[in-house]
């Protein structure tokens, strides 16, 4: 997890707008659960894909986009 932290911090700092509340970023976190349901972060995607290959994938990504737009 600490390997990507410097890169994420840099991306966060460089994506900030000069004026507050004018910028947002959506990151994709890939997480795996082990047999004890302990989460392990595999990777963080700066530009996650919104392509949906299955119905459940479509529903999750549709809801994510809708909720993001409602927050904005």
Protein backbone atom coordinates (compact mmCIF):
# COMPACT_ATOMS: atom_id res chain seq x y z
CA UNK A 1 0.00 0.00 0.00
CA UNK A 2 2.81 2.42 0.74
CA UNK A 3 4.31 1.92 -2.71
CA UNK A 4 1.60 3.95 -4.46
CA UNK A 5 1.15 6.59 -1.77
CA UNK A 6 3.75 9.05 -3.14
CA UNK A 7 2.27 8.83 -6.64
CA UNK A 8 -1.29 9.29 -5.36
CA UNK A 9 -0.22 12.26 -3.25
CA UNK A 10 1.45 13.83 -6.31
CA UNK A 11 -1.64 13.25 -8.49
CA UNK A 12 -3.84 14.75 -5.79
CA UNK A 13 -1.68 17.86 -5.41
CA UNK A 14 -1.34 18.45 -9.17
CA UNK A 15 -5.06 17.99 -9.86
CA UNK A 16 -6.18 20.64 -7.39
CA UNK A 17 -7.79 23.69 -8.94
CA UNK A 18 -6.67 27.18 -7.98
CA UNK A 19 -10.11 27.92 -6.56
CA UNK A 20 -11.73 25.60 -4.00
CA UNK A 21 -14.48 23.16 -4.94
CA UNK A 22 -13.73 23.21 -8.67
CA UNK A 23 -12.03 19.85 -8.98
CA UNK A 24 -12.76 16.23 -8.25
CA UNK A 25 -11.14 12.93 -9.10
CA UNK A 26 -12.53 9.43 -9.17
CA UNK A 27 -10.16 6.61 -8.25
CA UNK A 28 -10.77 2.91 -8.71
CA UNK A 29 -9.69 0.67 -5.81
CA UNK A 30 -9.23 -3.04 -6.47
CA UNK A 31 -9.69 -4.96 -3.23
CA UNK A 32 -9.50 -8.69 -2.52
CA UNK A 33 -11.02 -10.38 0.53
CA UNK A 34 -9.21 -13.33 2.09
CA UNK A 35 -10.89 -16.32 3.76
CA UNK A 36 -11.34 -14.31 6.97
CA UNK A 37 -12.92 -11.46 4.95
CA UNK A 38 -9.89 -9.25 5.61
CA UNK A 39 -9.58 -6.73 2.77
CA UNK A 40 -6.31 -6.43 0.84
CA UNK A 41 -5.83 -3.51 -1.52
CA UNK A 42 -4.40 -4.74 -4.81
CA UNK A 43 -4.14 -1.53 -6.78
CA UNK A 44 -5.50 1.98 -7.24
CA UNK A 45 -6.48 3.11 -10.73
CA UNK A 46 -6.25 6.81 -11.53
CA UNK A 47 -8.56 6.42 -14.54
CA UNK A 48 -10.86 3.44 -13.86
CA UNK A 49 -12.79 1.85 -16.70
CA UNK A 50 -16.55 2.35 -16.84
CA UNK A 51 -17.06 -0.41 -19.40
CA UNK A 52 -19.58 -2.93 -18.09
CA UNK A 53 -19.29 -6.55 -19.19
CA UNK A 54 -22.05 -8.01 -17.01
CA UNK A 55 -25.40 -6.88 -15.64
CA UNK A 56 -24.06 -6.59 -12.08
CA UNK A 57 -21.03 -4.64 -13.34
CA UNK A 58 -23.37 -2.28 -15.19
CA UNK A 59 -25.55 -1.74 -12.12
CA UNK A 60 -22.59 -1.02 -9.84
CA UNK A 61 -20.99 1.44 -12.25
CA UNK A 62 -24.31 3.08 -13.12
CA UNK A 63 -25.04 3.68 -9.43
CA UNK A 64 -21.50 4.94 -8.84
CA UNK A 65 -21.77 7.53 -11.63
CA UNK A 66 -25.26 8.58 -10.54
CA UNK A 67 -24.19 9.00 -6.89
CA UNK A 68 -21.06 10.91 -7.92
CA UNK A 69 -23.09 13.36 -10.00
CA UNK A 70 -25.60 13.82 -7.17
CA UNK A 71 -22.76 14.67 -4.76
CA UNK A 72 -21.30 17.18 -7.20
